[in-house]
Amino acid sequence: MLKICRIILVVICCILICLIGTVYSLIRFKNPNNVGVMARWFGRLSPLFGLKVEHRFPKDADKVGRCIYIGNHQNNYDMVTISYMVMPRTVSVGKKSLIWVPFFGILYWATGNIFIDRENRSKAHSTMTRVAQHINEDDLSIFMFPEGTRSRGRGLLPFKTGAFYTALIAGVPVVPVICSTTHNKIDLNRWDNGKVICEIMDPIDSSRFSKENVREFAQYCHDVMKKRIAELDAEIAQAKE
């Protein structure tokens, strides 16, 4: 019964956020702060899932400037956990098919996010070049999930190189944004689903790498994030003891 009530309440809240958020975003059409505002609206739904989410922002998180934020993509609960970490003047890059998601698709477009065609590799490559231009010309940061799909309990999946290629072209750092493991940790029939930690890590200087070793760049960031996620999981497990 609790699960059904939660699902109904969450669906209603999400539809309201999408409707109100679309109007809000159309009034401020493609304002680069729209995405962060909407992401935090969704992030505030976490208590409805019985989650206590701790958001860890570095002291100077707002002084990083233009960058590529990369996050671990676990499941649908990312919408109420890691989404809250989206910083001002940050937009995301998503597949074109998102536009057809009821209610959410129009909101995703109106807030100013960038669509790419994943089915066309050459077109996606040129899109990354245009994204790099937007970063510098429009003073933007980009949020991406380099795994390319939800991991669904398979750990941190191998990274695709698009985010890192874009960082190299734009000449901006990569900033990992991580969330502790939520897979199999949430039972909608349980009142308390425990604690989740989301954290923005230190920037990684892209000038240490080049287009020729972009895969090494991606692997380095993968290793840094994987290690820190394990540390956050251990911290949560220890707090339960």
C-alpha atoms as a PDB file:
ATOM      1  CA  MET A   1       0.000   0.000   0.000  1.00  0.00           C
ATOM      2  CA  LEU A   2       2.819   2.375   0.888  1.00  0.00           C
ATOM      3  CA  LYS A   3       4.483   1.698  -2.467  1.00  0.00           C
ATOM      4  CA  ILE A   4       1.293   2.478  -4.391  1.00  0.00           C
ATOM      5  CA  CYS A   5       0.737   5.700  -2.455  1.00  0.00           C
ATOM      6  CA  ARG A   6       4.326   6.766  -3.076  1.00  0.00           C
ATOM      7  CA  ILE A   7       4.136   6.053  -6.798  1.00  0.00           C
ATOM      8  CA  ILE A   8       0.906   8.029  -7.161  1.00  0.00           C
ATOM      9  CA  LEU A   9       2.294  10.962  -5.178  1.00  0.00           C
ATOM     10  CA  VAL A  10       5.600  10.974  -7.069  1.00  0.00           C
ATOM     11  CA  VAL A  11       3.857  10.827 -10.461  1.00  0.00           C
ATOM     12  CA  ILE A  12       1.625  13.757  -9.511  1.00  0.00           C
ATOM     13  CA  CYS A  13       4.605  15.788  -8.256  1.00  0.00           C
ATOM     14  CA  CYS A  14       6.670  15.018 -11.365  1.00  0.00           C
ATOM     15  CA  ILE A  15       3.853  16.037 -13.702  1.00  0.00           C
ATOM     16  CA  LEU A  16       3.343  19.273 -11.762  1.00  0.00           C
ATOM     17  CA  ILE A  17       7.070  20.046 -11.855  1.00  0.00           C
ATOM     18  CA  CYS A  18       7.144  19.383 -15.605  1.00  0.00           C
ATOM     19  CA  LEU A  19       4.099  21.567 -16.289  1.00  0.00           C
ATOM     20  CA  ILE A  20       5.061  24.448 -14.026  1.00  0.00           C
ATOM     21  CA  GLY A  21       8.710  24.091 -14.977  1.00  0.00           C
ATOM     22  CA  THR A  22       7.909  24.257 -18.686  1.00  0.00           C
ATOM     23  CA  VAL A  23       6.001  27.521 -18.232  1.00  0.00           C
ATOM     24  CA  TYR A  24       8.820  28.879 -16.047  1.00  0.00           C
ATOM     25  CA  SER A  25      11.447  27.852 -18.599  1.00  0.00           C
ATOM     26  CA  LEU A  26       9.541  29.222 -21.594  1.00  0.00           C
ATOM     27  CA  ILE A  27       9.314  32.592 -19.850  1.00  0.00           C
ATOM     28  CA  ARG A  28      13.105  32.433 -19.375  1.00  0.00           C
ATOM     29  CA  PHE A  29      13.584  30.476 -22.607  1.00  0.00           C
ATOM     30  CA  LYS A  30      16.848  28.517 -22.570  1.00  0.00           C
ATOM     31  CA  ASN A  31      18.254  30.571 -19.712  1.00  0.00           C
ATOM     32  CA  PRO A  32      21.386  28.615 -18.653  1.00  0.00           C
ATOM     33  CA  ASN A  33      20.213  28.566 -15.031  1.00  0.00           C
ATOM     34  CA  ASN A  34      16.925  26.835 -15.864  1.00  0.00           C
ATOM     35  CA  VAL A  35      18.375  23.336 -15.769  1.00  0.00           C
ATOM     36  CA  GLY A  36      19.830  23.760 -12.279  1.00  0.00           C
ATOM     37  CA  VAL A  37      16.558  25.149 -10.944  1.00  0.00           C
ATOM     38  CA  MET A  38      14.521  22.271 -12.355  1.00  0.00           C
ATOM     39  CA  ALA A  39      17.073  19.679 -11.211  1.00  0.00           C
ATOM     40  CA  ARG A  40      16.779  20.918  -7.647  1.00  0.00           C
ATOM     41  CA  TRP A  41      13.002  20.840  -7.801  1.00  0.00           C
ATOM     42  CA  PHE A  42      13.223  17.161  -8.672  1.00  0.00           C
ATOM     43  CA  GLY A  43      15.937  16.637  -6.060  1.00  0.00           C
ATOM     44  CA  ARG A  44      13.606  17.838  -3.326  1.00  0.00           C
ATOM     45  CA  LEU A  45      11.383  14.808  -3.962  1.00  0.00           C
ATOM     46  CA  SER A  46      13.910  12.462  -2.321  1.00  0.00           C
ATOM     47  CA  PRO A  47      12.034  12.278   1.044  1.00  0.00           C
ATOM     48  CA  LEU A  48       9.064  10.783  -0.814  1.00  0.00           C
ATOM     49  CA  PHE A  49      11.293   7.750  -1.463  1.00  0.00           C
ATOM     50  CA  GLY A  50      12.328   7.482   2.187  1.00  0.00           C
ATOM     51  CA  LEU A  51      15.807   8.772   1.353  1.00  0.00           C
ATOM     52  CA  LYS A  52      18.047  11.084   3.315  1.00  0.00           C
ATOM     53  CA  VAL A  53      20.367  12.617   0.728  1.00  0.00           C
ATOM     54  CA  GLU A  54      23.503  14.440   1.836  1.00  0.00           C
ATOM     55  CA  HIS A  55      24.789  16.880  -0.786  1.00  0.00           C
ATOM     56  CA  ARG A  56      28.484  17.682  -0.498  1.00  0.00           C
ATOM     57  CA  PHE A  57      29.606  20.790  -2.357  1.00  0.00           C
ATOM     58  CA  PRO A  58      33.247  21.940  -2.153  1.00  0.00           C
ATOM     59  CA  LYS A  59      33.763  25.328  -0.548  1.00  0.00           C
ATOM     60  CA  ASP A  60      34.687  26.911  -3.884  1.00  0.00           C
ATOM     61  CA  ALA A  61      32.330  24.872  -6.093  1.00  0.00           C
ATOM     62  CA  ASP A  62      30.895  28.062  -7.597  1.00  0.00           C
ATOM     63  CA  LYS A  63      34.347  29.303  -8.631  1.00  0.00           C
ATOM     64  CA  VAL A  64      35.351  26.440 -10.913  1.00  0.00           C
ATOM     65  CA  GLY A  65      34.084  28.264 -14.003  1.00  0.00           C
ATOM     66  CA  ARG A  66      33.348  26.546 -17.306  1.00  0.00           C
ATOM     67  CA  CYS A  67      33.796  22.781 -17.131  1.00  0.00           C
ATOM     68  CA  ILE A  68      32.396  19.371 -17.999  1.00  0.00           C
ATOM     69  CA  TYR A  69      30.620  17.726 -15.062  1.00  0.00           C
ATOM     70  CA  ILE A  70      30.488  13.934 -15.301  1.00  0.00           C
ATOM     71  CA  GLY A  71      28.227  11.806 -13.109  1.00  0.00           C
ATOM     72  CA  ASN A  72      27.644   8.111 -12.454  1.00  0.00           C
ATOM     73  CA  HIS A  73      24.320   7.019 -13.956  1.00  0.00           C
ATOM     74  CA  GLN A  74      22.711   4.293 -11.829  1.00  0.00           C
ATOM     75  CA  ASN A  75      18.935   4.178 -12.286  1.00  0.00           C
ATOM     76  CA  ASN A  76      15.769   6.273 -12.270  1.00  0.00           C
ATOM     77  CA  TYR A  77      16.458   7.413  -8.710  1.00  0.00           C
ATOM     78  CA  ASP A  78      19.217   9.646 -10.124  1.00  0.00           C
ATOM     79  CA  MET A  79      16.420  12.151 -10.747  1.00  0.00           C
ATOM     80  CA  VAL A  80      16.060  12.739  -6.992  1.00  0.00           C
ATOM     81  CA  THR A  81      19.684  12.212  -5.927  1.00  0.00           C
ATOM     82  CA  ILE A  82      22.509  13.342  -8.194  1.00  0.00           C
ATOM     83  CA  SER A  83      20.276  15.751 -10.148  1.00  0.00           C
ATOM     84  CA  TYR A  84      20.327  18.106  -7.155  1.00  0.00           C
ATOM     85  CA  MET A  85      24.056  18.624  -7.746  1.00  0.00           C
ATOM     86  CA  VAL A  86      23.618  20.498 -11.056  1.00  0.00           C
ATOM     87  CA  MET A  87      25.355  23.856 -10.697  1.00  0.00           C
ATOM     88  CA  PRO A  88      24.237  27.249 -12.117  1.00  0.00           C
ATOM     89  CA  ARG A  89      24.885  27.899 -15.821  1.00  0.00           C
ATOM     90  CA  THR A  90      25.019  24.175 -16.485  1.00  0.00           C
ATOM     91  CA  VAL A  91      23.043  22.295 -19.136  1.00  0.00           C
ATOM     92  CA  SER A  92      23.082  18.626 -20.005  1.00  0.00           C
ATOM     93  CA  VAL A  93      23.514  16.619 -23.179  1.00  0.00           C
ATOM     94  CA  GLY A  94      20.899  13.955 -23.896  1.00  0.00           C
ATOM     95  CA  LYS A  95      19.655  11.704 -26.664  1.00  0.00           C
ATOM     96  CA  LYS A  96      17.127  13.125 -29.138  1.00  0.00           C
ATOM     97  CA  SER A  97      14.479  10.583 -28.156  1.00  0.00           C
ATOM     98  CA  LEU A  98      14.039  12.330 -24.790  1.00  0.00           C
ATOM     99  CA  ILE A  99      11.894  14.934 -26.529  1.00  0.00           C
ATOM    100  CA  TRP A 100       9.133  12.284 -26.858  1.00  0.00           C
ATOM    101  CA  VAL A 101       8.934  11.486 -23.130  1.00  0.00           C
ATOM    102  CA  PRO A 102       5.508  12.743 -21.971  1.00  0.00           C
ATOM    103  CA  PHE A 103       5.692  16.002 -19.978  1.00  0.00           C
ATOM    104  CA  PHE A 104       9.447  15.663 -19.354  1.00  0.00           C
ATOM    105  CA  GLY A 105      10.520  15.955 -22.999  1.00  0.00           C
ATOM    106  CA  ILE A 106       9.170  19.464 -23.534  1.00  0.00           C
ATOM    107  CA  LEU A 107      10.663  20.552 -20.199  1.00  0.00           C
ATOM    108  CA  TYR A 108      14.060  19.134 -21.186  1.00  0.00           C
ATOM    109  CA  TRP A 109      13.934  21.137 -24.428  1.00  0.00           C
ATOM    110  CA  ALA A 110      12.634  24.385 -22.900  1.00  0.00           C
ATOM    111  CA  THR A 111      15.282  24.491 -20.190  1.00  0.00           C
ATOM    112  CA  GLY A 112      18.009  24.661 -22.839  1.00  0.00           C
ATOM    113  CA  ASN A 113      19.573  21.212 -22.739  1.00  0.00           C
ATOM    114  CA  ILE A 114      21.405  19.946 -25.829  1.00  0.00           C
ATOM    115  CA  PHE A 115      20.183  17.005 -27.894  1.00  0.00           C
ATOM    116  CA  ILE A 116      22.497  14.636 -29.759  1.00  0.00           C
ATOM    117  CA  ASP A 117      21.791  11.831 -32.219  1.00  0.00           C
ATOM    118  CA  ARG A 118      23.489   8.752 -30.769  1.00  0.00           C
ATOM    119  CA  GLU A 119      22.543   6.641 -33.763  1.00  0.00           C
ATOM    120  CA  ASN A 120      24.676   8.798 -36.067  1.00  0.00           C
ATOM    121  CA  ARG A 121      28.257   8.645 -34.759  1.00  0.00           C
ATOM    122  CA  SER A 122      29.671  11.207 -37.190  1.00  0.00           C
ATOM    123  CA  LYS A 123      26.874  13.634 -36.416  1.00  0.00           C
ATOM    124  CA  ALA A 124      27.326  13.108 -32.681  1.00  0.00           C
ATOM    125  CA  HIS A 125      31.036  13.848 -33.115  1.00  0.00           C
ATOM    126  CA  SER A 126      30.322  17.185 -34.790  1.00  0.00           C
ATOM    127  CA  THR A 127      27.761  17.912 -32.071  1.00  0.00           C
ATOM    128  CA  MET A 128      30.489  17.564 -29.455  1.00  0.00           C
ATOM    129  CA  THR A 129      32.507  20.146 -31.351  1.00  0.00           C
ATOM    130  CA  ARG A 130      29.532  22.508 -31.317  1.00  0.00           C
ATOM    131  CA  VAL A 131      29.017  21.830 -27.613  1.00  0.00           C
ATOM    132  CA  ALA A 132      32.621  22.855 -26.991  1.00  0.00           C
ATOM    133  CA  GLN A 133      31.962  26.101 -28.854  1.00  0.00           C
ATOM    134  CA  HIS A 134      28.849  26.770 -26.767  1.00  0.00           C
ATOM    135  CA  ILE A 135      30.836  26.249 -23.565  1.00  0.00           C
ATOM    136  CA  ASN A 136      33.199  29.102 -24.361  1.00  0.00           C
ATOM    137  CA  GLU A 137      30.919  31.394 -26.396  1.00  0.00           C
ATOM    138  CA  ASP A 138      27.958  31.201 -23.989  1.00  0.00           C
ATOM    139  CA  ASP A 139      29.935  30.747 -20.766  1.00  0.00           C
ATOM    140  CA  LEU A 140      28.326  27.372 -20.004  1.00  0.00           C
ATOM    141  CA  SER A 141      29.197  24.159 -18.217  1.00  0.00           C
ATOM    142  CA  ILE A 142      27.924  20.782 -19.405  1.00  0.00           C
ATOM    143  CA  PHE A 143      26.667  17.852 -17.318  1.00  0.00           C
ATOM    144  CA  MET A 144      27.080  14.417 -18.904  1.00  0.00           C
ATOM    145  CA  PHE A 145      26.791  10.758 -17.942  1.00  0.00           C
ATOM    146  CA  PRO A 146      29.831   9.229 -19.707  1.00  0.00           C
ATOM    147  CA  GLU A 147      28.633   5.653 -19.150  1.00  0.00           C
ATOM    148  CA  GLY A 148      25.975   6.399 -21.757  1.00  0.00           C
ATOM    149  CA  THR A 149      23.323   4.296 -20.008  1.00  0.00           C
ATOM    150  CA  ARG A 150      22.116   3.365 -16.540  1.00  0.00           C
ATOM    151  CA  SER A 151      24.401   0.871 -14.816  1.00  0.00           C
ATOM    152  CA  ARG A 152      21.564  -0.864 -12.888  1.00  0.00           C
ATOM    153  CA  GLY A 153      23.802  -2.571 -10.370  1.00  0.00           C
ATOM    154  CA  ARG A 154      26.668  -3.437 -12.721  1.00  0.00           C
ATOM    155  CA  GLY A 155      29.057  -1.009 -11.068  1.00  0.00           C
ATOM    156  CA  LEU A 156      30.580   1.972 -12.851  1.00  0.00           C
ATOM    157  CA  LEU A 157      30.414   1.048 -16.535  1.00  0.00           C
ATOM    158  CA  PRO A 158      33.226   1.896 -19.001  1.00  0.00           C
ATOM    159  CA  PHE A 159      33.186   5.535 -20.108  1.00  0.00           C
ATOM    160  CA  LYS A 160      32.528   6.693 -23.642  1.00  0.00           C
ATOM    161  CA  THR A 161      34.961   9.393 -24.789  1.00  0.00           C
ATOM    162  CA  GLY A 162      32.536  12.146 -25.861  1.00  0.00           C
ATOM    163  CA  ALA A 163      32.674  14.140 -22.626  1.00  0.00           C
ATOM    164  CA  PHE A 164      36.470  14.023 -22.529  1.00  0.00           C
ATOM    165  CA  TYR A 165      36.883  14.877 -26.192  1.00  0.00           C
ATOM    166  CA  THR A 166      34.636  17.903 -25.609  1.00  0.00           C
ATOM    167  CA  ALA A 167      36.663  18.984 -22.573  1.00  0.00           C
ATOM    168  CA  LEU A 168      39.878  18.825 -24.611  1.00  0.00           C
ATOM    169  CA  ILE A 169      38.441  20.883 -27.476  1.00  0.00           C
ATOM    170  CA  ALA A 170      36.946  23.474 -25.120  1.00  0.00           C
ATOM    171  CA  GLY A 171      40.055  23.576 -22.934  1.00  0.00           C
ATOM    172  CA  VAL A 172      38.082  23.124 -19.705  1.00  0.00           C
ATOM    173  CA  PRO A 173      38.500  20.789 -16.734  1.00  0.00           C
ATOM    174  CA  VAL A 174      36.391  17.734 -15.976  1.00  0.00           C
ATOM    175  CA  VAL A 175      34.621  17.704 -12.604  1.00  0.00           C
ATOM    176  CA  PRO A 176      33.390  14.312 -11.312  1.00  0.00           C
ATOM    177  CA  VAL A 177      30.022  14.309  -9.542  1.00  0.00           C
ATOM    178  CA  ILE A 178      29.272  11.056  -7.766  1.00  0.00           C
ATOM    179  CA  CYS A 179      26.445   9.407  -5.884  1.00  0.00           C
ATOM    180  CA  SER A 180      26.787   6.473  -3.509  1.00  0.00           C
ATOM    181  CA  THR A 181      25.216   3.205  -4.595  1.00  0.00           C
ATOM    182  CA  THR A 182      21.404   3.124  -4.676  1.00  0.00           C
ATOM    183  CA  HIS A 183      20.906  -0.176  -6.533  1.00  0.00           C
ATOM    184  CA  ASN A 184      18.848  -2.612  -4.425  1.00  0.00           C
ATOM    185  CA  LYS A 185      18.969  -0.138  -1.529  1.00  0.00           C
ATOM    186  CA  ILE A 186      15.478   1.302  -2.015  1.00  0.00           C
ATOM    187  CA  ASP A 187      12.253  -0.503  -1.154  1.00  0.00           C
ATOM    188  CA  LEU A 188       9.194   1.653  -1.762  1.00  0.00           C
ATOM    189  CA  ASN A 189       7.264  -0.394   0.812  1.00  0.00           C
ATOM    190  CA  ARG A 190       9.784   0.620   3.488  1.00  0.00           C
ATOM    191  CA  TRP A 191       9.480   3.966   5.281  1.00  0.00           C
ATOM    192  CA  ASP A 192      13.203   4.536   5.766  1.00  0.00           C
ATOM    193  CA  ASN A 193      15.525   3.724   2.859  1.00  0.00           C
ATOM    194  CA  GLY A 194      18.601   5.119   4.504  1.00  0.00           C
ATOM    195  CA  LYS A 195      21.215   7.622   3.492  1.00  0.00           C
ATOM    196  CA  VAL A 196      22.657   8.533   0.115  1.00  0.00           C
ATOM    197  CA  ILE A 197      25.696  10.770  -0.362  1.00  0.00           C
ATOM    198  CA  CYS A 198      26.204  12.920  -3.459  1.00  0.00           C
ATOM    199  CA  GLU A 199      29.510  14.731  -3.839  1.00  0.00           C
ATOM    200  CA  ILE A 200      31.257  17.082  -6.244  1.00  0.00           C
ATOM    201  CA  MET A 201      34.923  16.128  -6.470  1.00  0.00           C
ATOM    202  CA  ASP A 202      37.974  18.229  -7.337  1.00  0.00           C
ATOM    203  CA  PRO A 203      38.401  19.329 -10.978  1.00  0.00           C
ATOM    204  CA  ILE A 204      40.662  17.226 -13.206  1.00  0.00           C
ATOM    205  CA  ASP A 205      42.882  19.312 -15.490  1.00  0.00           C
ATOM    206  CA  SER A 206      42.258  18.322 -19.123  1.00  0.00           C
ATOM    207  CA  SER A 207      45.540  19.916 -20.262  1.00  0.00           C
ATOM    208  CA  ARG A 208      47.340  16.855 -18.870  1.00  0.00           C
ATOM    209  CA  PHE A 209      45.904  14.864 -21.769  1.00  0.00           C
ATOM    210  CA  SER A 210      45.456  15.196 -25.531  1.00  0.00           C
ATOM    211  CA  LYS A 211      43.109  13.973 -28.257  1.00  0.00           C
ATOM    212  CA  GLU A 212      45.577  11.179 -28.954  1.00  0.00           C
ATOM    213  CA  ASN A 213      45.214   9.751 -25.436  1.00  0.00           C
ATOM    214  CA  VAL A 214      41.586  10.702 -24.782  1.00  0.00           C
ATOM    215  CA  ARG A 215      40.839   7.106 -23.746  1.00  0.00           C
ATOM    216  CA  GLU A 216      43.490   7.360 -21.046  1.00  0.00           C
ATOM    217  CA  PHE A 217      41.810  10.570 -19.897  1.00  0.00           C
ATOM    218  CA  ALA A 218      38.461   8.763 -19.681  1.00  0.00           C
ATOM    219  CA  GLN A 219      39.985   5.801 -17.831  1.00  0.00           C
ATOM    220  CA  TYR A 220      41.752   8.064 -15.339  1.00  0.00           C
ATOM    221  CA  CYS A 221      38.478   9.817 -14.479  1.00  0.00           C
ATOM    222  CA  HIS A 222      36.725   6.441 -14.277  1.00  0.00           C
ATOM    223  CA  ASP A 223      39.278   5.143 -11.780  1.00  0.00           C
ATOM    224  CA  VAL A 224      39.058   8.283  -9.625  1.00  0.00           C
ATOM    225  CA  MET A 225      35.263   8.108  -9.484  1.00  0.00           C
ATOM    226  CA  LYS A 226      35.108   4.356  -8.886  1.00  0.00           C
ATOM    227  CA  LYS A 227      37.458   4.638  -5.922  1.00  0.00           C
ATOM    228  CA  ARG A 228      35.535   7.503  -4.339  1.00  0.00           C
ATOM    229  CA  ILE A 229      32.146   5.808  -4.819  1.00  0.00           C
ATOM    230  CA  ALA A 230      33.508   2.778  -2.965  1.00  0.00           C
ATOM    231  CA  GLU A 231      34.662   5.059  -0.150  1.00  0.00           C
ATOM    232  CA  LEU A 232      31.213   6.662   0.131  1.00  0.00           C
ATOM    233  CA  ASP A 233      29.556   3.224   0.202  1.00  0.00           C
ATOM    234  CA  ALA A 234      31.942   2.140   2.956  1.00  0.00           C
ATOM    235  CA  GLU A 235      31.205   5.310   4.927  1.00  0.00           C
ATOM    236  CA  ILE A 236      27.451   4.653   4.761  1.00  0.00           C
ATOM    237  CA  ALA A 237      27.885   0.988   5.696  1.00  0.00           C
ATOM    238  CA  GLN A 238      30.051   1.890   8.672  1.00  0.00           C
ATOM    239  CA  ALA A 239      27.506   4.436   9.923  1.00  0.00           C
ATOM    240  CA  LYS A 240      24.871   1.696  10.035  1.00  0.00           C
ATOM    241  CA  GLU A 241      26.961  -0.474  12.360  1.00  0.00           C
END
